[in-house]
Amino acid sequence: MFRSKLATTARTAKCYYRTHGYATYLLADSCHGSGGTPLAKAILGSSSARLAAATQSVACAADFKHDMWDGDRLLTSTVNLTCESDVQKFVAQVQYSLSETIDILLANVGEVPGRWRTSFNSTPLIPEVRANEWIRLCKDVAGVGILLKNVLPTLMRHPTDHRKVVVIFTHQAPLHCVETVALKSISSALDELVASTSLELARKSPTEFVTVKVHTPNLESNDALAWGREVVRQIGRLRLEATFASTHDGQHLPIPGYPDKPDTFWYGAHV
């Protein structure tokens, strides 16, 4: 009887959200790097948004529940993002607890290995990058791919009144790391994920989806929330403004007030 009442309440809430135009965000990894938390706070700052936040950190999931708990609008869970069955279970949990429809997918790959920040004052060269650091960066990209594989069917299955958005965030990196070959290689892989995902979704519907890449800056604590709010504002424009969406689909999305890292690497200058 109690389970039946809970299920009825969940269905009623989901019906209300669909009727009133609420948007459901799925953010993963919500705690890797310093970009996830301000994004979560900015999303929950809107009364018309719900957030499913997946993290690989048990401590972070507990912090989310403590700092931002809203039983109607926030679902957070510890998920191994490189394990497909874990991701599938989380997506099913989101559909049961928040909404059958996921409107915005935010894939956050976090930051570069911490050793690069603390042990180098200049660009880490190929012999200086450890094998486990290469593997970790590659697993970050694999995690995005697994996330796309399991969330995109949900995005495509349920049409909505507004455009659905996929955002893939870059690694946070200090200035002296931006030319690291390992990081440049992973960034190129993310570029390809964005471009190819955009093309694949366009075959389904050329106007229903938009996929972009967003640079994650190195954020000071007093500026992080303002960045998160601006990202959410630009996502809103992607959902509602056709010209803006078509201009940036499959490409990089600039965030006003937060210039991208300088791209000083040119292959011809290094051979």
C-alpha atoms as a PDB file:
ATOM      1  CA  MET A   1       0.000   0.000   0.000  1.00  0.00           C
ATOM      2  CA  PHE A   2       2.802   2.396   0.981  1.00  0.00           C
ATOM      3  CA  ARG A   3       4.794   1.555  -2.197  1.00  0.00           C
ATOM      4  CA  SER A   4       1.660   2.077  -4.307  1.00  0.00           C
ATOM      5  CA  LYS A   5       1.125   5.503  -2.727  1.00  0.00           C
ATOM      6  CA  LEU A   6       4.748   6.471  -3.431  1.00  0.00           C
ATOM      7  CA  ALA A   7       4.445   5.389  -7.056  1.00  0.00           C
ATOM      8  CA  THR A   8       1.233   7.380  -7.457  1.00  0.00           C
ATOM      9  CA  THR A   9       2.903  10.470  -5.960  1.00  0.00           C
ATOM     10  CA  ALA A  10       5.886  10.117  -8.306  1.00  0.00           C
ATOM     11  CA  ARG A  11       3.602   9.787 -11.342  1.00  0.00           C
ATOM     12  CA  THR A  12       1.599  12.833 -10.254  1.00  0.00           C
ATOM     13  CA  ALA A  13       4.777  14.905  -9.844  1.00  0.00           C
ATOM     14  CA  LYS A  14       6.102  13.859 -13.258  1.00  0.00           C
ATOM     15  CA  CYS A  15       2.794  14.756 -14.876  1.00  0.00           C
ATOM     16  CA  TYR A  16       2.871  18.172 -13.165  1.00  0.00           C
ATOM     17  CA  TYR A  17       6.433  18.812 -14.366  1.00  0.00           C
ATOM     18  CA  ARG A  18       5.590  17.928 -17.974  1.00  0.00           C
ATOM     19  CA  THR A  19       2.518  20.191 -17.893  1.00  0.00           C
ATOM     20  CA  HIS A  20       4.379  23.157 -16.408  1.00  0.00           C
ATOM     21  CA  GLY A  21       7.490  22.970 -18.585  1.00  0.00           C
ATOM     22  CA  TYR A  22      10.033  21.860 -15.989  1.00  0.00           C
ATOM     23  CA  ALA A  23      13.449  20.777 -17.277  1.00  0.00           C
ATOM     24  CA  THR A  24      15.386  17.780 -15.973  1.00  0.00           C
ATOM     25  CA  TYR A  25      19.191  18.019 -15.948  1.00  0.00           C
ATOM     26  CA  LEU A  26      21.498  15.036 -15.591  1.00  0.00           C
ATOM     27  CA  LEU A  27      24.978  16.060 -14.398  1.00  0.00           C
ATOM     28  CA  ALA A  28      27.879  13.593 -14.262  1.00  0.00           C
ATOM     29  CA  ASP A  29      30.465  13.668 -12.767  1.00  0.00           C
ATOM     30  CA  SER A  30      29.042  16.290 -10.436  1.00  0.00           C
ATOM     31  CA  CYS A  31      32.121  16.430  -8.170  1.00  0.00           C
ATOM     32  CA  HIS A  32      35.142  15.993 -10.436  1.00  0.00           C
ATOM     33  CA  GLY A  33      36.942  19.348 -10.549  1.00  0.00           C
ATOM     34  CA  SER A  34      35.492  22.621  -9.315  1.00  0.00           C
ATOM     35  CA  GLY A  35      32.870  23.072 -12.054  1.00  0.00           C
ATOM     36  CA  GLY A  36      30.233  20.551 -11.009  1.00  0.00           C
ATOM     37  CA  THR A  37      29.112  22.068  -7.703  1.00  0.00           C
ATOM     38  CA  PRO A  38      28.487  25.611  -9.026  1.00  0.00           C
ATOM     39  CA  LEU A  39      26.605  24.113 -11.967  1.00  0.00           C
ATOM     40  CA  ALA A  40      24.414  22.137  -9.576  1.00  0.00           C
ATOM     41  CA  LYS A  41      23.726  25.211  -7.424  1.00  0.00           C
ATOM     42  CA  ALA A  42      22.931  27.312 -10.494  1.00  0.00           C
ATOM     43  CA  ILE A  43      20.508  24.676 -11.814  1.00  0.00           C
ATOM     44  CA  LEU A  44      18.711  24.321  -8.487  1.00  0.00           C
ATOM     45  CA  GLY A  45      18.560  28.119  -8.255  1.00  0.00           C
ATOM     46  CA  SER A  46      15.859  27.938 -10.912  1.00  0.00           C
ATOM     47  CA  SER A  47      12.471  26.875  -9.591  1.00  0.00           C
ATOM     48  CA  SER A  48      11.675  25.240 -12.946  1.00  0.00           C
ATOM     49  CA  ALA A  49      14.578  22.763 -12.914  1.00  0.00           C
ATOM     50  CA  ARG A  50      15.263  19.343 -11.443  1.00  0.00           C
ATOM     51  CA  LEU A  51      18.718  17.843 -11.136  1.00  0.00           C
ATOM     52  CA  ALA A  52      20.011  14.277 -11.188  1.00  0.00           C
ATOM     53  CA  ALA A  53      23.627  14.440 -10.024  1.00  0.00           C
ATOM     54  CA  ALA A  54      25.852  11.398 -10.436  1.00  0.00           C
ATOM     55  CA  THR A  55      29.250  11.296  -8.772  1.00  0.00           C
ATOM     56  CA  GLN A  56      31.959   8.716  -8.255  1.00  0.00           C
ATOM     57  CA  SER A  57      32.647  10.101  -4.768  1.00  0.00           C
ATOM     58  CA  VAL A  58      30.672   8.810  -1.780  1.00  0.00           C
ATOM     59  CA  ALA A  59      31.709  11.865   0.261  1.00  0.00           C
ATOM     60  CA  CYS A  60      30.552  14.240  -2.475  1.00  0.00           C
ATOM     61  CA  ALA A  61      27.167  12.545  -2.764  1.00  0.00           C
ATOM     62  CA  ALA A  62      26.736  13.014   0.983  1.00  0.00           C
ATOM     63  CA  ASP A  63      27.749  16.693   0.721  1.00  0.00           C
ATOM     64  CA  PHE A  64      25.236  17.253  -2.078  1.00  0.00           C
ATOM     65  CA  LYS A  65      22.440  15.779  -0.002  1.00  0.00           C
ATOM     66  CA  HIS A  66      23.437  17.873   2.994  1.00  0.00           C
ATOM     67  CA  ASP A  67      24.029  21.212   1.225  1.00  0.00           C
ATOM     68  CA  MET A  68      21.438  21.196  -1.552  1.00  0.00           C
ATOM     69  CA  TRP A  69      18.796  18.675  -0.593  1.00  0.00           C
ATOM     70  CA  ASP A  70      15.416  19.217  -2.194  1.00  0.00           C
ATOM     71  CA  GLY A  71      13.473  15.960  -2.218  1.00  0.00           C
ATOM     72  CA  ASP A  72      11.266  17.015  -5.115  1.00  0.00           C
ATOM     73  CA  ARG A  73      13.997  18.401  -7.360  1.00  0.00           C
ATOM     74  CA  LEU A  74      17.334  16.764  -6.496  1.00  0.00           C
ATOM     75  CA  LEU A  75      18.441  13.161  -6.910  1.00  0.00           C
ATOM     76  CA  THR A  76      22.058  12.307  -6.192  1.00  0.00           C
ATOM     77  CA  SER A  77      23.818   8.962  -6.213  1.00  0.00           C
ATOM     78  CA  THR A  78      27.263   7.384  -6.306  1.00  0.00           C
ATOM     79  CA  VAL A  79      27.833   5.894  -9.761  1.00  0.00           C
ATOM     80  CA  ASN A  80      30.836   4.257 -11.441  1.00  0.00           C
ATOM     81  CA  LEU A  81      30.625   6.169 -14.722  1.00  0.00           C
ATOM     82  CA  THR A  82      32.796   3.654 -16.567  1.00  0.00           C
ATOM     83  CA  CYS A  83      30.455   0.790 -15.595  1.00  0.00           C
ATOM     84  CA  GLU A  84      27.528   0.580 -17.984  1.00  0.00           C
ATOM     85  CA  SER A  85      25.240  -1.297 -15.596  1.00  0.00           C
ATOM     86  CA  ASP A  86      25.779   1.402 -12.929  1.00  0.00           C
ATOM     87  CA  VAL A  87      24.890   4.141 -15.422  1.00  0.00           C
ATOM     88  CA  GLN A  88      21.813   2.212 -16.601  1.00  0.00           C
ATOM     89  CA  LYS A  89      20.582   1.831 -13.016  1.00  0.00           C
ATOM     90  CA  PHE A  90      21.028   5.546 -12.380  1.00  0.00           C
ATOM     91  CA  VAL A  91      19.133   6.530 -15.544  1.00  0.00           C
ATOM     92  CA  ALA A  92      16.288   4.212 -14.501  1.00  0.00           C
ATOM     93  CA  GLN A  93      16.319   5.778 -11.037  1.00  0.00           C
ATOM     94  CA  VAL A  94      16.095   9.266 -12.589  1.00  0.00           C
ATOM     95  CA  GLN A  95      13.128   8.231 -14.738  1.00  0.00           C
ATOM     96  CA  TYR A  96      11.340   6.716 -11.759  1.00  0.00           C
ATOM     97  CA  SER A  97      12.044   9.444  -9.204  1.00  0.00           C
ATOM     98  CA  LEU A  98      12.212  12.697 -11.203  1.00  0.00           C
ATOM     99  CA  SER A  99      11.003  12.432 -14.783  1.00  0.00           C
ATOM    100  CA  GLU A 100      10.676   9.996 -17.663  1.00  0.00           C
ATOM    101  CA  THR A 101      12.293  12.679 -19.808  1.00  0.00           C
ATOM    102  CA  ILE A 102      15.869  13.926 -19.440  1.00  0.00           C
ATOM    103  CA  ASP A 103      16.098  17.311 -21.160  1.00  0.00           C
ATOM    104  CA  ILE A 104      19.714  18.366 -20.617  1.00  0.00           C
ATOM    105  CA  LEU A 105      22.757  16.103 -20.270  1.00  0.00           C
ATOM    106  CA  LEU A 106      25.883  17.683 -18.739  1.00  0.00           C
ATOM    107  CA  ALA A 107      29.005  15.520 -19.060  1.00  0.00           C
ATOM    108  CA  ASN A 108      31.789  16.860 -16.839  1.00  0.00           C
ATOM    109  CA  VAL A 109      35.228  15.254 -17.247  1.00  0.00           C
ATOM    110  CA  GLY A 110      36.694  17.224 -14.331  1.00  0.00           C
ATOM    111  CA  GLU A 111      40.315  18.313 -14.132  1.00  0.00           C
ATOM    112  CA  VAL A 112      43.778  17.216 -15.192  1.00  0.00           C
ATOM    113  CA  PRO A 113      45.811  14.953 -12.875  1.00  0.00           C
ATOM    114  CA  GLY A 114      46.663  16.820  -9.679  1.00  0.00           C
ATOM    115  CA  ARG A 115      50.382  16.040 -10.046  1.00  0.00           C
ATOM    116  CA  TRP A 116      50.520  18.283 -13.113  1.00  0.00           C
ATOM    117  CA  ARG A 117      49.433  21.231 -10.969  1.00  0.00           C
ATOM    118  CA  THR A 118      51.775  20.595  -8.061  1.00  0.00           C
ATOM    119  CA  SER A 119      54.910  19.088  -9.635  1.00  0.00           C
ATOM    120  CA  PHE A 120      55.354  21.154 -12.798  1.00  0.00           C
ATOM    121  CA  ASN A 121      55.918  24.827 -13.527  1.00  0.00           C
ATOM    122  CA  SER A 122      55.995  24.276 -17.291  1.00  0.00           C
ATOM    123  CA  THR A 123      54.343  21.946 -19.781  1.00  0.00           C
ATOM    124  CA  PRO A 124      54.610  18.251 -18.796  1.00  0.00           C
ATOM    125  CA  LEU A 125      56.342  16.561 -21.717  1.00  0.00           C
ATOM    126  CA  ILE A 126      55.485  13.130 -23.104  1.00  0.00           C
ATOM    127  CA  PRO A 127      58.174  11.244 -21.083  1.00  0.00           C
ATOM    128  CA  GLU A 128      56.982  13.003 -17.912  1.00  0.00           C
ATOM    129  CA  VAL A 129      53.333  11.935 -18.177  1.00  0.00           C
ATOM    130  CA  ARG A 130      52.757   8.703 -16.304  1.00  0.00           C
ATOM    131  CA  ALA A 131      50.968   5.719 -17.812  1.00  0.00           C
ATOM    132  CA  ASN A 132      48.198   5.854 -15.203  1.00  0.00           C
ATOM    133  CA  GLU A 133      47.602   9.534 -16.086  1.00  0.00           C
ATOM    134  CA  TRP A 134      47.103   8.659 -19.758  1.00  0.00           C
ATOM    135  CA  ILE A 135      44.737   5.870 -18.733  1.00  0.00           C
ATOM    136  CA  ARG A 136      42.777   8.150 -16.395  1.00  0.00           C
ATOM    137  CA  LEU A 137      42.296  10.801 -19.086  1.00  0.00           C
ATOM    138  CA  CYS A 138      41.178   8.149 -21.563  1.00  0.00           C
ATOM    139  CA  LYS A 139      38.738   6.748 -18.986  1.00  0.00           C
ATOM    140  CA  ASP A 140      37.273  10.257 -18.650  1.00  0.00           C
ATOM    141  CA  VAL A 141      36.413  10.195 -22.362  1.00  0.00           C
ATOM    142  CA  ALA A 142      35.149   6.607 -22.112  1.00  0.00           C
ATOM    143  CA  GLY A 143      32.871   7.719 -19.273  1.00  0.00           C
ATOM    144  CA  VAL A 144      31.343  10.384 -21.513  1.00  0.00           C
ATOM    145  CA  GLY A 145      30.807   7.805 -24.255  1.00  0.00           C
ATOM    146  CA  ILE A 146      29.112   5.368 -21.861  1.00  0.00           C
ATOM    147  CA  LEU A 147      26.947   8.212 -20.552  1.00  0.00           C
ATOM    148  CA  LEU A 148      25.900   9.168 -24.095  1.00  0.00           C
ATOM    149  CA  LYS A 149      25.157   5.543 -24.974  1.00  0.00           C
ATOM    150  CA  ASN A 150      22.750   5.165 -22.070  1.00  0.00           C
ATOM    151  CA  VAL A 151      21.177   8.634 -21.863  1.00  0.00           C
ATOM    152  CA  LEU A 152      20.658   9.497 -25.541  1.00  0.00           C
ATOM    153  CA  PRO A 153      17.932   6.856 -26.065  1.00  0.00           C
ATOM    154  CA  THR A 154      15.962   8.526 -23.261  1.00  0.00           C
ATOM    155  CA  LEU A 155      16.429  11.960 -24.871  1.00  0.00           C
ATOM    156  CA  MET A 156      15.290  10.626 -28.237  1.00  0.00           C
ATOM    157  CA  ARG A 157      12.342   8.624 -26.915  1.00  0.00           C
ATOM    158  CA  HIS A 158      10.360  11.481 -25.397  1.00  0.00           C
ATOM    159  CA  PRO A 159       9.722  14.608 -27.519  1.00  0.00           C
ATOM    160  CA  THR A 160       9.321  17.910 -25.660  1.00  0.00           C
ATOM    161  CA  ASP A 161       8.331  21.466 -26.504  1.00  0.00           C
ATOM    162  CA  HIS A 162      11.913  22.726 -26.208  1.00  0.00           C
ATOM    163  CA  ARG A 163      15.206  21.644 -27.740  1.00  0.00           C
ATOM    164  CA  LYS A 164      17.165  18.981 -25.843  1.00  0.00           C
ATOM    165  CA  VAL A 165      20.773  19.814 -25.035  1.00  0.00           C
ATOM    166  CA  VAL A 166      23.962  17.796 -24.596  1.00  0.00           C
ATOM    167  CA  VAL A 167      26.932  19.668 -23.098  1.00  0.00           C
ATOM    168  CA  ILE A 168      30.395  18.141 -22.810  1.00  0.00           C
ATOM    169  CA  PHE A 169      32.784  20.090 -20.579  1.00  0.00           C
ATOM    170  CA  THR A 170      36.557  20.203 -21.041  1.00  0.00           C
ATOM    171  CA  HIS A 171      39.128  19.299 -18.421  1.00  0.00           C
ATOM    172  CA  GLN A 172      40.113  22.091 -16.064  1.00  0.00           C
ATOM    173  CA  ALA A 173      43.822  22.761 -16.492  1.00  0.00           C
ATOM    174  CA  PRO A 174      46.310  25.389 -15.292  1.00  0.00           C
ATOM    175  CA  LEU A 175      47.874  27.525 -17.993  1.00  0.00           C
ATOM    176  CA  HIS A 176      51.184  25.659 -17.972  1.00  0.00           C
ATOM    177  CA  CYS A 177      49.380  22.393 -18.833  1.00  0.00           C
ATOM    178  CA  VAL A 178      47.345  23.462 -21.870  1.00  0.00           C
ATOM    179  CA  GLU A 179      50.012  22.326 -24.353  1.00  0.00           C
ATOM    180  CA  THR A 180      50.488  18.885 -22.803  1.00  0.00           C
ATOM    181  CA  VAL A 181      50.216  16.319 -25.591  1.00  0.00           C
ATOM    182  CA  ALA A 182      48.063  14.016 -23.477  1.00  0.00           C
ATOM    183  CA  LEU A 183      45.573  16.807 -22.757  1.00  0.00           C
ATOM    184  CA  LYS A 184      45.524  17.993 -26.386  1.00  0.00           C
ATOM    185  CA  SER A 185      44.842  14.431 -27.529  1.00  0.00           C
ATOM    186  CA  ILE A 186      41.935  14.023 -25.107  1.00  0.00           C
ATOM    187  CA  SER A 187      40.543  17.438 -26.054  1.00  0.00           C
ATOM    188  CA  SER A 188      40.537  16.368 -29.716  1.00  0.00           C
ATOM    189  CA  ALA A 189      38.648  13.223 -28.744  1.00  0.00           C
ATOM    190  CA  LEU A 190      36.033  15.350 -26.964  1.00  0.00           C
ATOM    191  CA  ASP A 191      35.775  17.580 -30.046  1.00  0.00           C
ATOM    192  CA  GLU A 192      35.022  14.501 -32.143  1.00  0.00           C
ATOM    193  CA  LEU A 193      32.444  13.283 -29.629  1.00  0.00           C
ATOM    194  CA  VAL A 194      30.649  16.640 -29.830  1.00  0.00           C
ATOM    195  CA  ALA A 195      30.722  16.859 -33.624  1.00  0.00           C
ATOM    196  CA  SER A 196      29.730  13.239 -34.258  1.00  0.00           C
ATOM    197  CA  THR A 197      27.002  13.223 -31.601  1.00  0.00           C
ATOM    198  CA  SER A 198      25.549  16.354 -33.188  1.00  0.00           C
ATOM    199  CA  LEU A 199      25.458  14.693 -36.616  1.00  0.00           C
ATOM    200  CA  GLU A 200      23.916  11.502 -35.241  1.00  0.00           C
ATOM    201  CA  LEU A 201      21.164  13.383 -33.423  1.00  0.00           C
ATOM    202  CA  ALA A 202      20.504  15.556 -36.484  1.00  0.00           C
ATOM    203  CA  ARG A 203      19.610  12.405 -38.416  1.00  0.00           C
ATOM    204  CA  LYS A 204      16.938  11.745 -35.798  1.00  0.00           C
ATOM    205  CA  SER A 205      15.628  15.320 -35.885  1.00  0.00           C
ATOM    206  CA  PRO A 206      17.561  18.334 -37.221  1.00  0.00           C
ATOM    207  CA  THR A 207      15.814  20.769 -34.867  1.00  0.00           C
ATOM    208  CA  GLU A 208      15.126  18.779 -31.689  1.00  0.00           C
ATOM    209  CA  PHE A 209      18.688  18.400 -30.340  1.00  0.00           C
ATOM    210  CA  VAL A 210      21.829  20.488 -29.905  1.00  0.00           C
ATOM    211  CA  THR A 211      25.273  19.283 -28.764  1.00  0.00           C
ATOM    212  CA  VAL A 212      28.039  21.633 -27.644  1.00  0.00           C
ATOM    213  CA  LYS A 213      31.411  21.675 -25.923  1.00  0.00           C
ATOM    214  CA  VAL A 214      32.062  24.126 -23.069  1.00  0.00           C
ATOM    215  CA  HIS A 215      35.475  25.119 -21.752  1.00  0.00           C
ATOM    216  CA  THR A 216      35.731  24.774 -17.965  1.00  0.00           C
ATOM    217  CA  PRO A 217      37.898  27.611 -16.616  1.00  0.00           C
ATOM    218  CA  ASN A 218      39.940  27.531 -13.439  1.00  0.00           C
ATOM    219  CA  LEU A 219      37.357  28.949 -11.091  1.00  0.00           C
ATOM    220  CA  GLU A 220      37.882  30.991  -7.953  1.00  0.00           C
ATOM    221  CA  SER A 221      35.368  30.170  -5.234  1.00  0.00           C
ATOM    222  CA  ASN A 222      33.871  33.670  -5.339  1.00  0.00           C
ATOM    223  CA  ASP A 223      33.305  33.468  -9.105  1.00  0.00           C
ATOM    224  CA  ALA A 224      32.279  29.832  -9.555  1.00  0.00           C
ATOM    225  CA  LEU A 225      28.542  30.298  -8.997  1.00  0.00           C
ATOM    226  CA  ALA A 226      28.409  33.238 -11.441  1.00  0.00           C
ATOM    227  CA  TRP A 227      30.023  30.992 -14.078  1.00  0.00           C
ATOM    228  CA  GLY A 228      27.505  28.236 -13.366  1.00  0.00           C
ATOM    229  CA  ARG A 229      24.610  30.657 -13.732  1.00  0.00           C
ATOM    230  CA  GLU A 230      25.955  31.937 -17.053  1.00  0.00           C
ATOM    231  CA  VAL A 231      26.340  28.371 -18.368  1.00  0.00           C
ATOM    232  CA  VAL A 232      22.719  27.630 -17.391  1.00  0.00           C
ATOM    233  CA  ARG A 233      21.605  30.854 -19.088  1.00  0.00           C
ATOM    234  CA  GLN A 234      23.359  29.881 -22.325  1.00  0.00           C
ATOM    235  CA  ILE A 235      21.787  26.412 -22.153  1.00  0.00           C
ATOM    236  CA  GLY A 236      18.415  28.120 -21.899  1.00  0.00           C
ATOM    237  CA  ARG A 237      19.198  30.036 -25.079  1.00  0.00           C
ATOM    238  CA  LEU A 238      20.143  26.797 -26.850  1.00  0.00           C
ATOM    239  CA  ARG A 239      16.772  25.332 -25.877  1.00  0.00           C
ATOM    240  CA  LEU A 240      14.677  28.309 -26.951  1.00  0.00           C
ATOM    241  CA  GLU A 241      16.528  30.190 -29.719  1.00  0.00           C
ATOM    242  CA  ALA A 242      16.715  28.347 -33.050  1.00  0.00           C
ATOM    243  CA  THR A 243      19.382  30.548 -34.652  1.00  0.00           C
ATOM    244  CA  PHE A 244      21.593  30.464 -31.579  1.00  0.00           C
ATOM    245  CA  ALA A 245      21.279  26.671 -31.380  1.00  0.00           C
ATOM    246  CA  SER A 246      22.035  26.074 -35.067  1.00  0.00           C
ATOM    247  CA  THR A 247      25.077  28.389 -34.888  1.00  0.00           C
ATOM    248  CA  HIS A 248      26.720  26.427 -32.077  1.00  0.00           C
ATOM    249  CA  ASP A 249      25.457  22.876 -32.648  1.00  0.00           C
ATOM    250  CA  GLY A 250      28.379  20.450 -32.879  1.00  0.00           C
ATOM    251  CA  GLN A 251      30.843  23.142 -31.853  1.00  0.00           C
ATOM    252  CA  HIS A 252      32.256  25.100 -28.953  1.00  0.00           C
ATOM    253  CA  LEU A 253      29.844  27.274 -26.953  1.00  0.00           C
ATOM    254  CA  PRO A 254      31.453  30.486 -25.623  1.00  0.00           C
ATOM    255  CA  ILE A 255      30.441  31.537 -22.115  1.00  0.00           C
ATOM    256  CA  PRO A 256      30.294  35.361 -21.915  1.00  0.00           C
ATOM    257  CA  GLY A 257      32.681  36.773 -19.343  1.00  0.00           C
ATOM    258  CA  TYR A 258      34.803  33.602 -19.234  1.00  0.00           C
ATOM    259  CA  PRO A 259      37.333  33.545 -22.080  1.00  0.00           C
ATOM    260  CA  ASP A 260      38.665  30.195 -23.214  1.00  0.00           C
ATOM    261  CA  LYS A 261      42.135  28.996 -22.412  1.00  0.00           C
ATOM    262  CA  PRO A 262      44.695  30.208 -24.985  1.00  0.00           C
ATOM    263  CA  ASP A 263      45.421  27.569 -27.596  1.00  0.00           C
ATOM    264  CA  THR A 264      49.099  28.209 -28.234  1.00  0.00           C
ATOM    265  CA  PHE A 265      49.919  24.776 -29.620  1.00  0.00           C
ATOM    266  CA  TRP A 266      50.499  24.507 -33.349  1.00  0.00           C
ATOM    267  CA  TYR A 267      51.773  21.236 -34.710  1.00  0.00           C
ATOM    268  CA  GLY A 268      53.949  22.824 -37.424  1.00  0.00           C
ATOM    269  CA  ALA A 269      55.844  24.828 -34.816  1.00  0.00           C
ATOM    270  CA  HIS A 270      56.837  21.729 -32.862  1.00  0.00           C
ATOM    271  CA  VAL A 271      58.177  19.452 -35.607  1.00  0.00           C
END
